Amino acid sequence: MVINILLILGAYLIGSLSGALIVCSFMSLPDPRTQGSGNPGATNVLRYSGKTAAIFTLLVDVSKGVTAVLIAKFFTSSALILASATLAVFLGHLYPLFFHFKGGKGVATAFGALVTLAWPVGVSALTTWLVIAGLFRYSSLAALTAAMLVPFYMYWFTGQIEYIFLSVILSSLLIWRHRSNIRHLLSGQEDKF
C-alpha cells in the first residue's frame, strides 16, 4: 500500500517538472508563459524560441511520462496502480507543484506515459497526430483528434477497464485544456505551424 502511494505521488512529482521552463531557463530563453499562447509546451517554445529548444522541451516532457510509468511497472503489475501513475504524471504536467499549479496542456507527457503503458495505443495516438498535423498544419487539431481516439484505441488494444477509464479521463482533460484552441479553430484564428 505504501509503495503504491509513493509510486503515484512520485509520478505526480515527475510530471511537475516543466520541460519548457527547464529548457528555456537553461538556454537563457524567455519564459514561454510570457510568450505567444503562454503555454509552457513544445509548440509554443517552437514558435518563439526555435527548433532546438522545442525539441529539448518535447524530449523532457515525453521522458517524464515514460519515466513515471516505467518506475511504476518495475514495482507493480496492478492495472489500477499503473493507470493511476499514468494519470498522476499527466496531472503533474497540467498542475505542477513546482510552478504554482500552472502547467501545460500535457500532450507530450500523455504520449510518453501512454506509449509506455500500452505501446500500441501510444503509437496509434502518435500516428493520428502526425496525419492530422500533416494534413491541416494545426498542432492543436492534431492533439484534439488523437485525444478523442485514445479511449477507442485503449479499448481495442487492451480491453483493460482500468486503462479505458484512465484514457477517458486523460482525453477529457486534454480536450478541456485545449478549449481556447477550440475557440480559435472555430473562429479561424488558430496559428498553424
N, C-alpha and C. Protein backbone atom coordinates (compact mmCIF):
# COMPACT_ATOMS: atom_id res chain seq x y z
N MET A 1 0.82 -1.20 0.00
CA MET A 1 0.00 0.00 0.00
C MET A 1 0.86 1.26 0.00
N VAL A 2 1.88 1.31 0.86
CA VAL A 2 2.76 2.47 0.93
C VAL A 2 3.51 2.65 -0.39
N ILE A 3 3.98 1.55 -0.97
CA ILE A 3 4.70 1.63 -2.24
C ILE A 3 3.78 2.18 -3.33
N ASN A 4 2.54 1.73 -3.34
CA ASN A 4 1.59 2.21 -4.35
C ASN A 4 1.36 3.71 -4.23
N ILE A 5 1.22 4.19 -3.02
CA ILE A 5 1.02 5.63 -2.79
C ILE A 5 2.27 6.40 -3.24
N LEU A 6 3.44 5.87 -2.92
CA LEU A 6 4.68 6.52 -3.32
C LEU A 6 4.85 6.54 -4.83
N LEU A 7 4.42 5.47 -5.51
CA LEU A 7 4.51 5.43 -6.97
C LEU A 7 3.64 6.51 -7.59
N ILE A 8 2.44 6.66 -7.06
CA ILE A 8 1.51 7.66 -7.61
C ILE A 8 2.00 9.08 -7.29
N LEU A 9 2.42 9.29 -6.06
CA LEU A 9 2.94 10.60 -5.66
C LEU A 9 4.22 10.93 -6.45
N GLY A 10 5.10 9.95 -6.59
CA GLY A 10 6.33 10.16 -7.35
C GLY A 10 6.05 10.50 -8.81
N ALA A 11 5.04 9.83 -9.39
CA ALA A 11 4.66 10.12 -10.78
C ALA A 11 4.18 11.57 -10.90
N TYR A 12 3.39 12.01 -9.93
CA TYR A 12 2.91 13.40 -9.95
C TYR A 12 4.09 14.38 -9.87
N LEU A 13 5.05 14.10 -8.99
CA LEU A 13 6.20 14.99 -8.83
C LEU A 13 7.07 15.01 -10.09
N ILE A 14 7.23 13.86 -10.73
CA ILE A 14 7.96 13.82 -12.00
C ILE A 14 7.23 14.68 -13.04
N GLY A 15 5.92 14.54 -13.10
CA GLY A 15 5.13 15.34 -14.03
C GLY A 15 5.21 16.83 -13.76
N SER A 16 5.46 17.19 -12.51
CA SER A 16 5.53 18.60 -12.13
C SER A 16 6.78 19.32 -12.62
N LEU A 17 7.74 18.58 -13.16
CA LEU A 17 8.92 19.20 -13.75
C LEU A 17 8.57 19.69 -15.15
N SER A 18 8.58 20.98 -15.38
CA SER A 18 8.18 21.55 -16.67
C SER A 18 9.35 21.56 -17.64
N GLY A 19 9.22 20.77 -18.70
CA GLY A 19 10.27 20.72 -19.71
C GLY A 19 10.53 22.08 -20.33
N ALA A 20 9.46 22.81 -20.66
CA ALA A 20 9.62 24.12 -21.31
C ALA A 20 10.35 25.10 -20.41
N LEU A 21 9.99 25.14 -19.13
CA LEU A 21 10.61 26.09 -18.23
C LEU A 21 12.06 25.73 -17.93
N ILE A 22 12.32 24.44 -17.78
CA ILE A 22 13.69 23.99 -17.51
C ILE A 22 14.59 24.28 -18.72
N VAL A 23 14.12 23.91 -19.92
CA VAL A 23 14.91 24.10 -21.13
C VAL A 23 15.14 25.58 -21.41
N CYS A 24 14.08 26.38 -21.33
CA CYS A 24 14.22 27.81 -21.62
C CYS A 24 15.12 28.50 -20.60
N SER A 25 15.04 28.09 -19.36
CA SER A 25 15.91 28.66 -18.34
C SER A 25 17.36 28.27 -18.61
N PHE A 26 17.59 27.01 -18.91
CA PHE A 26 18.93 26.50 -19.17
C PHE A 26 19.55 27.17 -20.40
N MET A 27 18.72 27.46 -21.42
CA MET A 27 19.21 28.05 -22.66
C MET A 27 19.12 29.58 -22.65
N SER A 28 18.79 30.16 -21.49
CA SER A 28 18.65 31.62 -21.34
C SER A 28 17.66 32.21 -22.34
N LEU A 29 16.53 31.53 -22.50
CA LEU A 29 15.46 31.99 -23.39
C LEU A 29 14.32 32.54 -22.55
N PRO A 30 13.43 33.32 -23.15
CA PRO A 30 12.31 33.88 -22.39
C PRO A 30 11.40 32.78 -21.83
N ASP A 31 10.80 33.05 -20.72
CA ASP A 31 9.83 32.15 -20.11
C ASP A 31 8.67 31.97 -21.09
N PRO A 32 8.37 30.74 -21.53
CA PRO A 32 7.31 30.54 -22.52
C PRO A 32 5.92 30.95 -22.02
N ARG A 33 5.78 31.08 -20.71
CA ARG A 33 4.49 31.53 -20.17
C ARG A 33 4.24 33.01 -20.45
N THR A 34 5.30 33.72 -20.88
CA THR A 34 5.17 35.15 -21.20
C THR A 34 5.19 35.38 -22.71
N GLN A 35 5.21 34.31 -23.50
CA GLN A 35 5.29 34.41 -24.95
C GLN A 35 4.07 33.75 -25.60
N GLY A 36 3.62 34.31 -26.71
CA GLY A 36 2.58 33.68 -27.51
C GLY A 36 1.34 33.28 -26.74
N SER A 37 1.04 31.98 -26.77
CA SER A 37 -0.16 31.47 -26.10
C SER A 37 0.01 31.41 -24.59
N GLY A 38 1.25 31.54 -24.12
CA GLY A 38 1.51 31.44 -22.69
C GLY A 38 1.59 30.01 -22.20
N ASN A 39 1.47 29.06 -23.11
CA ASN A 39 1.50 27.65 -22.74
C ASN A 39 2.96 27.16 -22.65
N PRO A 40 3.35 26.58 -21.51
CA PRO A 40 4.70 26.04 -21.40
C PRO A 40 4.79 24.65 -22.04
N GLY A 41 4.73 24.65 -23.37
CA GLY A 41 4.79 23.39 -24.11
C GLY A 41 5.67 23.54 -25.34
N ALA A 42 5.93 22.44 -26.00
CA ALA A 42 6.87 22.42 -27.13
C ALA A 42 6.40 23.29 -28.30
N THR A 43 5.11 23.31 -28.58
CA THR A 43 4.63 24.09 -29.72
C THR A 43 4.86 25.58 -29.51
N ASN A 44 4.53 26.08 -28.33
CA ASN A 44 4.75 27.49 -28.04
C ASN A 44 6.25 27.81 -28.01
N VAL A 45 7.05 26.92 -27.47
CA VAL A 45 8.51 27.11 -27.47
C VAL A 45 9.03 27.14 -28.91
N LEU A 46 8.51 26.28 -29.76
CA LEU A 46 8.92 26.26 -31.17
C LEU A 46 8.66 27.61 -31.83
N ARG A 47 7.49 28.17 -31.59
CA ARG A 47 7.11 29.42 -32.24
C ARG A 47 7.99 30.59 -31.80
N TYR A 48 8.41 30.61 -30.53
CA TYR A 48 9.07 31.80 -30.00
C TYR A 48 10.53 31.61 -29.61
N SER A 49 10.97 30.36 -29.51
CA SER A 49 12.37 30.14 -29.10
C SER A 49 13.14 29.22 -30.03
N GLY A 50 12.48 28.69 -31.05
CA GLY A 50 13.18 27.91 -32.07
C GLY A 50 13.12 26.40 -31.91
N LYS A 51 13.61 25.75 -32.95
CA LYS A 51 13.52 24.29 -33.05
C LYS A 51 14.30 23.55 -31.97
N THR A 52 15.51 24.00 -31.70
CA THR A 52 16.35 23.28 -30.73
C THR A 52 15.68 23.25 -29.36
N ALA A 53 15.23 24.40 -28.91
CA ALA A 53 14.56 24.47 -27.60
C ALA A 53 13.29 23.64 -27.60
N ALA A 54 12.56 23.66 -28.70
CA ALA A 54 11.31 22.89 -28.80
C ALA A 54 11.58 21.39 -28.74
N ILE A 55 12.62 20.95 -29.42
CA ILE A 55 12.95 19.51 -29.42
C ILE A 55 13.34 19.07 -28.02
N PHE A 56 14.16 19.86 -27.34
CA PHE A 56 14.55 19.50 -25.97
C PHE A 56 13.33 19.52 -25.03
N THR A 57 12.45 20.49 -25.22
CA THR A 57 11.22 20.55 -24.41
C THR A 57 10.39 19.30 -24.64
N LEU A 58 10.22 18.93 -25.89
CA LEU A 58 9.45 17.73 -26.23
C LEU A 58 10.07 16.48 -25.60
N LEU A 59 11.39 16.37 -25.70
CA LEU A 59 12.08 15.21 -25.13
C LEU A 59 11.91 15.13 -23.62
N VAL A 60 12.04 16.26 -22.94
CA VAL A 60 11.87 16.25 -21.48
C VAL A 60 10.45 15.86 -21.12
N ASP A 61 9.46 16.44 -21.80
CA ASP A 61 8.07 16.17 -21.45
C ASP A 61 7.65 14.73 -21.76
N VAL A 62 8.12 14.20 -22.89
CA VAL A 62 7.84 12.78 -23.20
C VAL A 62 8.54 11.89 -22.18
N SER A 63 9.79 12.21 -21.85
CA SER A 63 10.57 11.41 -20.90
C SER A 63 9.92 11.34 -19.53
N LYS A 64 9.25 12.41 -19.12
CA LYS A 64 8.56 12.40 -17.82
C LYS A 64 7.52 11.29 -17.79
N GLY A 65 6.72 11.21 -18.85
CA GLY A 65 5.69 10.17 -18.90
C GLY A 65 6.28 8.78 -18.94
N VAL A 66 7.32 8.62 -19.76
CA VAL A 66 7.99 7.32 -19.87
C VAL A 66 8.57 6.90 -18.53
N THR A 67 9.30 7.81 -17.90
CA THR A 67 9.98 7.51 -16.63
C THR A 67 9.00 7.11 -15.54
N ALA A 68 7.94 7.90 -15.37
CA ALA A 68 6.97 7.63 -14.30
C ALA A 68 6.32 6.26 -14.46
N VAL A 69 5.93 5.93 -15.69
CA VAL A 69 5.25 4.65 -15.91
C VAL A 69 6.24 3.48 -15.84
N LEU A 70 7.46 3.67 -16.33
CA LEU A 70 8.47 2.61 -16.20
C LEU A 70 8.77 2.29 -14.74
N ILE A 71 8.90 3.32 -13.92
CA ILE A 71 9.14 3.10 -12.49
C ILE A 71 7.97 2.32 -11.88
N ALA A 72 6.76 2.74 -12.20
CA ALA A 72 5.58 2.03 -11.67
C ALA A 72 5.56 0.58 -12.14
N LYS A 73 5.87 0.35 -13.42
CA LYS A 73 5.88 -1.02 -13.95
C LYS A 73 6.95 -1.88 -13.27
N PHE A 74 8.04 -1.27 -12.86
CA PHE A 74 9.10 -2.00 -12.18
C PHE A 74 8.62 -2.54 -10.84
N PHE A 75 7.75 -1.78 -10.16
CA PHE A 75 7.33 -2.15 -8.81
C PHE A 75 5.98 -2.87 -8.74
N THR A 76 5.17 -2.77 -9.79
CA THR A 76 3.85 -3.40 -9.72
C THR A 76 3.35 -3.79 -11.10
N SER A 77 2.45 -4.75 -11.10
CA SER A 77 1.76 -5.12 -12.34
C SER A 77 0.27 -4.80 -12.21
N SER A 78 -0.12 -4.16 -11.12
CA SER A 78 -1.52 -3.81 -10.89
C SER A 78 -1.99 -2.79 -11.93
N ALA A 79 -3.02 -3.14 -12.68
CA ALA A 79 -3.56 -2.23 -13.70
C ALA A 79 -4.06 -0.94 -13.07
N LEU A 80 -4.64 -1.04 -11.89
CA LEU A 80 -5.15 0.16 -11.22
C LEU A 80 -4.02 1.11 -10.84
N ILE A 81 -2.93 0.59 -10.30
CA ILE A 81 -1.81 1.44 -9.90
C ILE A 81 -1.10 2.00 -11.13
N LEU A 82 -0.94 1.20 -12.17
CA LEU A 82 -0.31 1.68 -13.39
C LEU A 82 -1.14 2.79 -14.04
N ALA A 83 -2.45 2.59 -14.07
CA ALA A 83 -3.34 3.63 -14.61
C ALA A 83 -3.27 4.89 -13.75
N SER A 84 -3.23 4.71 -12.44
CA SER A 84 -3.16 5.86 -11.52
C SER A 84 -1.84 6.62 -11.69
N ALA A 85 -0.74 5.90 -11.85
CA ALA A 85 0.56 6.56 -12.05
C ALA A 85 0.57 7.31 -13.38
N THR A 86 -0.04 6.73 -14.40
CA THR A 86 -0.15 7.39 -15.70
C THR A 86 -0.92 8.69 -15.58
N LEU A 87 -2.04 8.63 -14.90
CA LEU A 87 -2.85 9.83 -14.70
C LEU A 87 -2.10 10.85 -13.83
N ALA A 88 -1.38 10.38 -12.83
CA ALA A 88 -0.66 11.27 -11.91
C ALA A 88 0.44 12.05 -12.62
N VAL A 89 1.21 11.41 -13.48
CA VAL A 89 2.27 12.13 -14.18
C VAL A 89 1.66 13.17 -15.12
N PHE A 90 0.55 12.82 -15.73
CA PHE A 90 -0.15 13.76 -16.61
C PHE A 90 -0.69 14.95 -15.82
N LEU A 91 -1.30 14.68 -14.67
CA LEU A 91 -1.81 15.76 -13.81
C LEU A 91 -0.68 16.64 -13.29
N GLY A 92 0.47 16.03 -13.03
CA GLY A 92 1.63 16.80 -12.61
C GLY A 92 2.04 17.80 -13.66
N HIS A 93 1.95 17.40 -14.93
CA HIS A 93 2.28 18.33 -16.01
C HIS A 93 1.24 19.45 -16.10
N LEU A 94 -0.02 19.10 -15.97
CA LEU A 94 -1.09 20.11 -16.07
C LEU A 94 -1.09 21.06 -14.89
N TYR A 95 -0.88 20.50 -13.70
CA TYR A 95 -0.95 21.28 -12.45
C TYR A 95 0.31 21.04 -11.62
N PRO A 96 1.45 21.58 -12.08
CA PRO A 96 2.73 21.28 -11.42
C PRO A 96 2.89 21.95 -10.06
N LEU A 97 3.26 21.15 -9.10
CA LEU A 97 3.52 21.63 -7.75
C LEU A 97 4.61 22.70 -7.75
N PHE A 98 5.62 22.52 -8.59
CA PHE A 98 6.79 23.39 -8.58
C PHE A 98 6.57 24.72 -9.30
N PHE A 99 5.47 24.85 -10.02
CA PHE A 99 5.22 26.07 -10.80
C PHE A 99 3.82 26.62 -10.55
N HIS A 100 3.44 26.64 -9.28
CA HIS A 100 2.18 27.25 -8.83
C HIS A 100 0.95 26.63 -9.52
N PHE A 101 1.03 25.34 -9.86
CA PHE A 101 -0.08 24.59 -10.44
C PHE A 101 -0.52 25.13 -11.80
N LYS A 102 0.38 25.82 -12.49
CA LYS A 102 0.08 26.36 -13.83
C LYS A 102 1.00 25.69 -14.83
N GLY A 103 0.49 24.65 -15.47
CA GLY A 103 1.32 23.87 -16.38
C GLY A 103 0.82 23.92 -17.81
N GLY A 104 1.32 22.99 -18.58
CA GLY A 104 0.99 22.92 -20.00
C GLY A 104 -0.25 22.11 -20.28
N LYS A 105 -0.40 21.75 -21.54
CA LYS A 105 -1.60 21.03 -21.97
C LYS A 105 -1.43 19.52 -21.90
N GLY A 106 -0.19 19.06 -21.81
CA GLY A 106 0.05 17.66 -21.48
C GLY A 106 0.15 16.67 -22.61
N VAL A 107 0.17 17.13 -23.85
CA VAL A 107 0.17 16.19 -24.98
C VAL A 107 1.41 15.30 -24.98
N ALA A 108 2.59 15.89 -24.86
CA ALA A 108 3.83 15.11 -24.91
C ALA A 108 3.96 14.17 -23.72
N THR A 109 3.61 14.65 -22.54
CA THR A 109 3.69 13.81 -21.35
C THR A 109 2.68 12.66 -21.43
N ALA A 110 1.48 12.96 -21.91
CA ALA A 110 0.47 11.91 -22.10
C ALA A 110 0.98 10.86 -23.07
N PHE A 111 1.60 11.30 -24.16
CA PHE A 111 2.13 10.35 -25.14
C PHE A 111 3.18 9.46 -24.50
N GLY A 112 4.14 10.06 -23.79
CA GLY A 112 5.19 9.26 -23.16
C GLY A 112 4.63 8.23 -22.20
N ALA A 113 3.63 8.64 -21.41
CA ALA A 113 3.03 7.72 -20.45
C ALA A 113 2.25 6.62 -21.16
N LEU A 114 1.47 7.00 -22.18
CA LEU A 114 0.64 6.01 -22.88
C LEU A 114 1.47 5.01 -23.66
N VAL A 115 2.53 5.48 -24.32
CA VAL A 115 3.34 4.57 -25.11
C VAL A 115 4.07 3.57 -24.21
N THR A 116 4.32 3.96 -22.96
CA THR A 116 4.97 3.06 -22.01
C THR A 116 3.94 2.12 -21.36
N LEU A 117 2.75 2.64 -21.12
CA LEU A 117 1.70 1.82 -20.52
C LEU A 117 1.20 0.76 -21.50
N ALA A 118 0.90 1.17 -22.73
CA ALA A 118 0.37 0.27 -23.76
C ALA A 118 0.86 0.80 -25.11
N TRP A 119 1.99 0.31 -25.56
CA TRP A 119 2.66 0.91 -26.72
C TRP A 119 1.79 0.99 -27.97
N PRO A 120 0.92 0.01 -28.28
CA PRO A 120 0.10 0.18 -29.50
C PRO A 120 -0.83 1.40 -29.41
N VAL A 121 -1.27 1.72 -28.20
CA VAL A 121 -2.12 2.90 -28.02
C VAL A 121 -1.32 4.16 -28.27
N GLY A 122 -0.13 4.24 -27.68
CA GLY A 122 0.74 5.40 -27.89
C GLY A 122 1.11 5.59 -29.35
N VAL A 123 1.45 4.49 -30.03
CA VAL A 123 1.83 4.56 -31.44
C VAL A 123 0.64 5.00 -32.29
N SER A 124 -0.54 4.49 -31.97
CA SER A 124 -1.75 4.87 -32.72
C SER A 124 -2.08 6.34 -32.51
N ALA A 125 -1.93 6.82 -31.28
CA ALA A 125 -2.18 8.24 -31.00
C ALA A 125 -1.17 9.11 -31.74
N LEU A 126 0.10 8.71 -31.74
CA LEU A 126 1.13 9.47 -32.45
C LEU A 126 0.86 9.49 -33.95
N THR A 127 0.48 8.35 -34.49
CA THR A 127 0.17 8.27 -35.92
C THR A 127 -0.99 9.21 -36.27
N THR A 128 -2.01 9.19 -35.42
CA THR A 128 -3.15 10.10 -35.62
C THR A 128 -2.68 11.54 -35.61
N TRP A 129 -1.85 11.89 -34.61
CA TRP A 129 -1.35 13.27 -34.51
C TRP A 129 -0.59 13.65 -35.77
N LEU A 130 0.31 12.77 -36.22
CA LEU A 130 1.14 13.07 -37.39
C LEU A 130 0.30 13.25 -38.65
N VAL A 131 -0.70 12.41 -38.84
CA VAL A 131 -1.56 12.50 -40.03
C VAL A 131 -2.34 13.81 -40.03
N ILE A 132 -3.00 14.10 -38.91
CA ILE A 132 -3.82 15.32 -38.83
C ILE A 132 -2.94 16.57 -38.91
N ALA A 133 -1.80 16.57 -38.22
CA ALA A 133 -0.89 17.72 -38.28
C ALA A 133 -0.35 17.90 -39.69
N GLY A 134 -0.03 16.80 -40.36
CA GLY A 134 0.49 16.87 -41.73
C GLY A 134 -0.55 17.40 -42.71
N LEU A 135 -1.79 17.00 -42.52
CA LEU A 135 -2.85 17.42 -43.43
C LEU A 135 -3.29 18.86 -43.20
N PHE A 136 -3.43 19.24 -41.93
CA PHE A 136 -4.05 20.54 -41.63
C PHE A 136 -3.11 21.58 -41.04
N ARG A 137 -1.92 21.17 -40.57
CA ARG A 137 -0.89 22.07 -40.02
C ARG A 137 -1.29 22.75 -38.72
N TYR A 138 -2.23 22.15 -37.99
CA TYR A 138 -2.63 22.67 -36.69
C TYR A 138 -2.24 21.64 -35.63
N SER A 139 -1.31 22.00 -34.75
CA SER A 139 -0.91 21.10 -33.67
C SER A 139 -2.09 20.80 -32.75
N SER A 140 -2.87 21.83 -32.45
CA SER A 140 -4.00 21.65 -31.52
C SER A 140 -5.05 20.71 -32.10
N LEU A 141 -5.36 20.84 -33.37
CA LEU A 141 -6.34 19.96 -34.01
C LEU A 141 -5.85 18.51 -33.99
N ALA A 142 -4.56 18.34 -34.24
CA ALA A 142 -3.97 17.00 -34.20
C ALA A 142 -4.06 16.41 -32.80
N ALA A 143 -3.75 17.23 -31.78
CA ALA A 143 -3.82 16.76 -30.40
C ALA A 143 -5.26 16.42 -30.00
N LEU A 144 -6.19 17.26 -30.39
CA LEU A 144 -7.60 17.01 -30.05
C LEU A 144 -8.12 15.74 -30.71
N THR A 145 -7.77 15.54 -31.97
CA THR A 145 -8.21 14.35 -32.69
C THR A 145 -7.62 13.09 -32.05
N ALA A 146 -6.34 13.12 -31.76
CA ALA A 146 -5.69 11.98 -31.11
C ALA A 146 -6.32 11.72 -29.75
N ALA A 147 -6.57 12.78 -28.98
CA ALA A 147 -7.16 12.62 -27.65
C ALA A 147 -8.53 11.96 -27.73
N MET A 148 -9.33 12.36 -28.70
CA MET A 148 -10.67 11.77 -28.83
C MET A 148 -10.62 10.29 -29.18
N LEU A 149 -9.56 9.88 -29.88
CA LEU A 149 -9.46 8.49 -30.31
C LEU A 149 -8.76 7.57 -29.30
N VAL A 150 -8.03 8.14 -28.35
CA VAL A 150 -7.28 7.31 -27.40
C VAL A 150 -8.17 6.31 -26.65
N PRO A 151 -9.35 6.68 -26.13
CA PRO A 151 -10.17 5.67 -25.45
C PRO A 151 -10.55 4.49 -26.35
N PHE A 152 -10.79 4.77 -27.63
CA PHE A 152 -11.10 3.70 -28.57
C PHE A 152 -9.89 2.81 -28.82
N TYR A 153 -8.73 3.44 -28.96
CA TYR A 153 -7.50 2.66 -29.11
C TYR A 153 -7.26 1.80 -27.87
N MET A 154 -7.48 2.38 -26.71
CA MET A 154 -7.25 1.64 -25.46
C MET A 154 -8.19 0.44 -25.37
N TYR A 155 -9.45 0.66 -25.73
CA TYR A 155 -10.42 -0.44 -25.73
C TYR A 155 -9.99 -1.52 -26.71
N TRP A 156 -9.61 -1.11 -27.91
CA TRP A 156 -9.26 -2.05 -28.97
C TRP A 156 -8.01 -2.86 -28.63
N PHE A 157 -6.98 -2.20 -28.13
CA PHE A 157 -5.71 -2.87 -27.92
C PHE A 157 -5.56 -3.55 -26.57
N THR A 158 -6.24 -3.04 -25.54
CA THR A 158 -6.04 -3.63 -24.21
C THR A 158 -7.30 -4.27 -23.65
N GLY A 159 -8.45 -3.65 -23.85
CA GLY A 159 -9.68 -4.14 -23.25
C GLY A 159 -9.66 -4.08 -21.73
N GLN A 160 -8.64 -3.44 -21.17
CA GLN A 160 -8.46 -3.36 -19.72
C GLN A 160 -9.29 -2.20 -19.18
N ILE A 161 -10.27 -2.50 -18.33
CA ILE A 161 -11.22 -1.48 -17.88
C ILE A 161 -10.53 -0.32 -17.18
N GLU A 162 -9.50 -0.61 -16.36
CA GLU A 162 -8.78 0.48 -15.67
C GLU A 162 -8.10 1.42 -16.67
N TYR A 163 -7.55 0.84 -17.72
CA TYR A 163 -6.86 1.65 -18.73
C TYR A 163 -7.87 2.44 -19.57
N ILE A 164 -8.99 1.83 -19.86
CA ILE A 164 -10.03 2.53 -20.63
C ILE A 164 -10.55 3.72 -19.83
N PHE A 165 -10.83 3.49 -18.55
CA PHE A 165 -11.31 4.57 -17.69
C PHE A 165 -10.27 5.69 -17.60
N LEU A 166 -9.00 5.31 -17.42
CA LEU A 166 -7.91 6.27 -17.40
C LEU A 166 -7.90 7.09 -18.69
N SER A 167 -8.02 6.41 -19.83
CA SER A 167 -7.92 7.11 -21.12
C SER A 167 -9.07 8.08 -21.33
N VAL A 168 -10.25 7.76 -20.80
CA VAL A 168 -11.39 8.68 -20.90
C VAL A 168 -11.11 9.94 -20.09
N ILE A 169 -10.59 9.77 -18.87
CA ILE A 169 -10.25 10.93 -18.03
C ILE A 169 -9.14 11.75 -18.68
N LEU A 170 -8.08 11.09 -19.11
CA LEU A 170 -6.95 11.77 -19.72
C LEU A 170 -7.39 12.53 -20.97
N SER A 171 -8.17 11.90 -21.83
CA SER A 171 -8.64 12.55 -23.05
C SER A 171 -9.55 13.74 -22.75
N SER A 172 -10.42 13.58 -21.76
CA SER A 172 -11.32 14.67 -21.38
C SER A 172 -10.53 15.88 -20.88
N LEU A 173 -9.50 15.62 -20.08
CA LEU A 173 -8.66 16.72 -19.58
C LEU A 173 -7.86 17.38 -20.71
N LEU A 174 -7.37 16.58 -21.64
CA LEU A 174 -6.64 17.15 -22.78
C LEU A 174 -7.56 18.06 -23.59
N ILE A 175 -8.77 17.62 -23.83
CA ILE A 175 -9.73 18.44 -24.58
C ILE A 175 -10.06 19.70 -23.79
N TRP A 176 -10.27 19.58 -22.49
CA TRP A 176 -10.56 20.74 -21.65
C TRP A 176 -9.42 21.75 -21.69
N ARG A 177 -8.19 21.26 -21.62
CA ARG A 177 -7.03 22.15 -21.64
C ARG A 177 -6.85 22.85 -23.00
N HIS A 178 -7.48 22.31 -24.04
CA HIS A 178 -7.39 22.90 -25.37
C HIS A 178 -8.62 23.75 -25.71
N ARG A 179 -9.41 24.13 -24.71
CA ARG A 179 -10.66 24.85 -25.01
C ARG A 179 -10.42 26.18 -25.71
N SER A 180 -9.34 26.89 -25.38
CA SER A 180 -9.06 28.15 -26.09
C SER A 180 -8.66 27.85 -27.54
N ASN A 181 -7.94 26.75 -27.76
CA ASN A 181 -7.59 26.36 -29.13
C ASN A 181 -8.84 26.00 -29.93
N ILE A 182 -9.79 25.35 -29.28
CA ILE A 182 -11.04 25.00 -29.96
C ILE A 182 -11.75 26.27 -30.42
N ARG A 183 -11.81 27.28 -29.54
CA ARG A 183 -12.43 28.56 -29.92
C ARG A 183 -11.70 29.19 -31.10
N HIS A 184 -10.35 29.15 -31.05
CA HIS A 184 -9.56 29.73 -32.14
C HIS A 184 -9.74 28.95 -33.44
N LEU A 185 -9.81 27.63 -33.34
CA LEU A 185 -10.04 26.82 -34.55
C LEU A 185 -11.39 27.16 -35.18
N LEU A 186 -12.42 27.27 -34.36
CA LEU A 186 -13.76 27.56 -34.86
C LEU A 186 -13.87 28.95 -35.46
N SER A 187 -13.09 29.90 -34.92
CA SER A 187 -13.14 31.27 -35.45
C SER A 187 -12.10 31.53 -36.53
N GLY A 188 -11.28 30.52 -36.84
CA GLY A 188 -10.25 30.67 -37.88
C GLY A 188 -9.05 31.46 -37.41
N GLN A 189 -8.84 31.58 -36.11
CA GLN A 189 -7.73 32.37 -35.58
C GLN A 189 -6.58 31.52 -35.03
N GLU A 190 -6.69 30.22 -35.12
CA GLU A 190 -5.63 29.35 -34.59
C GLU A 190 -4.39 29.45 -35.47
N ASP A 191 -3.22 29.51 -34.82
CA ASP A 191 -1.95 29.59 -35.56
C ASP A 191 -1.58 28.22 -36.10
N LYS A 192 -1.13 28.21 -37.36
CA LYS A 192 -0.58 26.99 -37.95
C LYS A 192 0.90 26.92 -37.59
N PHE A 193 1.49 25.74 -37.81
CA PHE A 193 2.93 25.64 -37.57
C PHE A 193 3.62 25.26 -38.86
